[in-house]
């Protein structure tokens, strides 16, 4: 099974996450199939905190990839930002 989830990067105390498509059995920060975007929870005013390639997200969901609950929340947040 393939999942869409976060992969942690950054340094201690300064997290940065990539939104990736990976096999379910692979480690959190292990190998992945494709990088769909990023999430920076510590972004300050003026910095981009979230970016998701919507076309690739739609493709992966159409072929059966399941998004983690956190990624689902981020997808809704990105959709609300685009709509506003």
Protein backbone atom coordinates (compact mmCIF):
# COMPACT_ATOMS: atom_id res chain seq x y z
CA UNK A 1 0.00 0.00 0.00
CA UNK A 2 1.15 3.54 -0.75
CA UNK A 3 0.62 6.43 1.67
CA UNK A 4 0.99 10.20 1.51
CA UNK A 5 2.70 11.35 4.69
CA UNK A 6 5.19 13.75 6.25
CA UNK A 7 8.93 13.10 6.28
CA UNK A 8 10.83 15.14 8.86
CA UNK A 9 13.87 17.23 8.07
CA UNK A 10 15.46 20.30 9.55
CA UNK A 11 17.44 20.42 12.76
CA UNK A 12 16.68 19.99 16.44
CA UNK A 13 14.12 22.59 17.48
CA UNK A 14 13.56 23.73 13.85
CA UNK A 15 11.37 21.11 12.17
CA UNK A 16 10.71 21.05 8.44
CA UNK A 17 8.55 18.43 6.74
CA UNK A 18 8.37 17.14 3.19
CA UNK A 19 5.04 15.78 1.98
CA UNK A 20 5.96 12.50 0.28
CA UNK A 21 4.41 9.44 -1.32
CA UNK A 22 5.99 6.34 0.21
CA UNK A 23 5.35 2.64 0.70
CA UNK A 24 3.52 2.07 3.99
CA UNK A 25 6.20 -0.28 5.34
CA UNK A 26 9.05 2.18 4.73
CA UNK A 27 10.48 4.19 7.63
CA UNK A 28 9.17 7.73 8.23
CA UNK A 29 12.32 9.39 6.90
CA UNK A 30 13.30 6.51 4.62
CA UNK A 31 12.93 6.04 0.89
CA UNK A 32 9.99 7.62 -0.90
CA UNK A 33 8.50 7.51 -4.38
CA UNK A 34 7.78 11.20 -4.98
CA UNK A 35 7.93 14.50 -3.11
CA UNK A 36 4.63 16.42 -3.40
CA UNK A 37 5.45 19.52 -1.38
CA UNK A 38 6.55 20.79 1.99
CA UNK A 39 5.25 22.07 5.32
CA UNK A 40 7.18 24.49 7.52
CA UNK A 41 5.41 24.83 10.90
CA UNK A 42 7.83 27.54 12.07
CA UNK A 43 7.36 29.83 9.05
CA UNK A 44 7.16 33.49 10.04
CA UNK A 45 5.14 36.22 8.35
CA UNK A 46 6.14 36.55 4.71
CA UNK A 47 7.57 33.02 4.37
CA UNK A 48 5.75 30.26 2.56
CA UNK A 49 4.71 27.68 5.13
CA UNK A 50 2.89 25.13 2.96
CA UNK A 51 3.08 24.07 -0.66
CA UNK A 52 1.38 21.04 -2.23
CA UNK A 53 1.40 20.05 -5.92
CA UNK A 54 -2.36 19.60 -6.33
CA UNK A 55 -2.13 17.85 -9.72
CA UNK A 56 0.21 15.16 -8.37
CA UNK A 57 -1.85 14.82 -5.19
CA UNK A 58 -4.96 14.20 -7.30
CA UNK A 59 -3.09 11.60 -9.36
CA UNK A 60 -1.83 9.66 -6.35
CA UNK A 61 -5.24 9.67 -4.68
CA UNK A 62 -6.81 8.41 -7.94
CA UNK A 63 -4.51 5.38 -7.97
CA UNK A 64 -5.32 4.50 -4.36
CA UNK A 65 -2.79 6.29 -2.14
CA UNK A 66 -4.11 7.02 1.35
CA UNK A 67 -3.21 10.32 3.07
CA UNK A 68 -2.30 10.37 6.76
CA UNK A 69 -4.64 12.36 9.06
CA UNK A 70 -2.09 15.17 9.38
CA UNK A 71 -1.66 15.41 5.61
CA UNK A 72 -5.47 15.45 5.19
CA UNK A 73 -5.59 18.43 7.55
CA UNK A 74 -2.85 20.20 5.57
CA UNK A 75 -4.64 19.51 2.27
CA UNK A 76 -7.80 21.16 3.63
CA UNK A 77 -5.72 24.06 4.93
CA UNK A 78 -4.07 24.55 1.51
CA UNK A 79 -7.46 24.37 -0.26
CA UNK A 80 -8.88 27.02 2.08
CA UNK A 81 -5.87 29.26 1.42
CA UNK A 82 -6.33 28.95 -2.36
CA UNK A 83 -10.08 29.62 -2.12
CA UNK A 84 -9.61 32.74 0.00
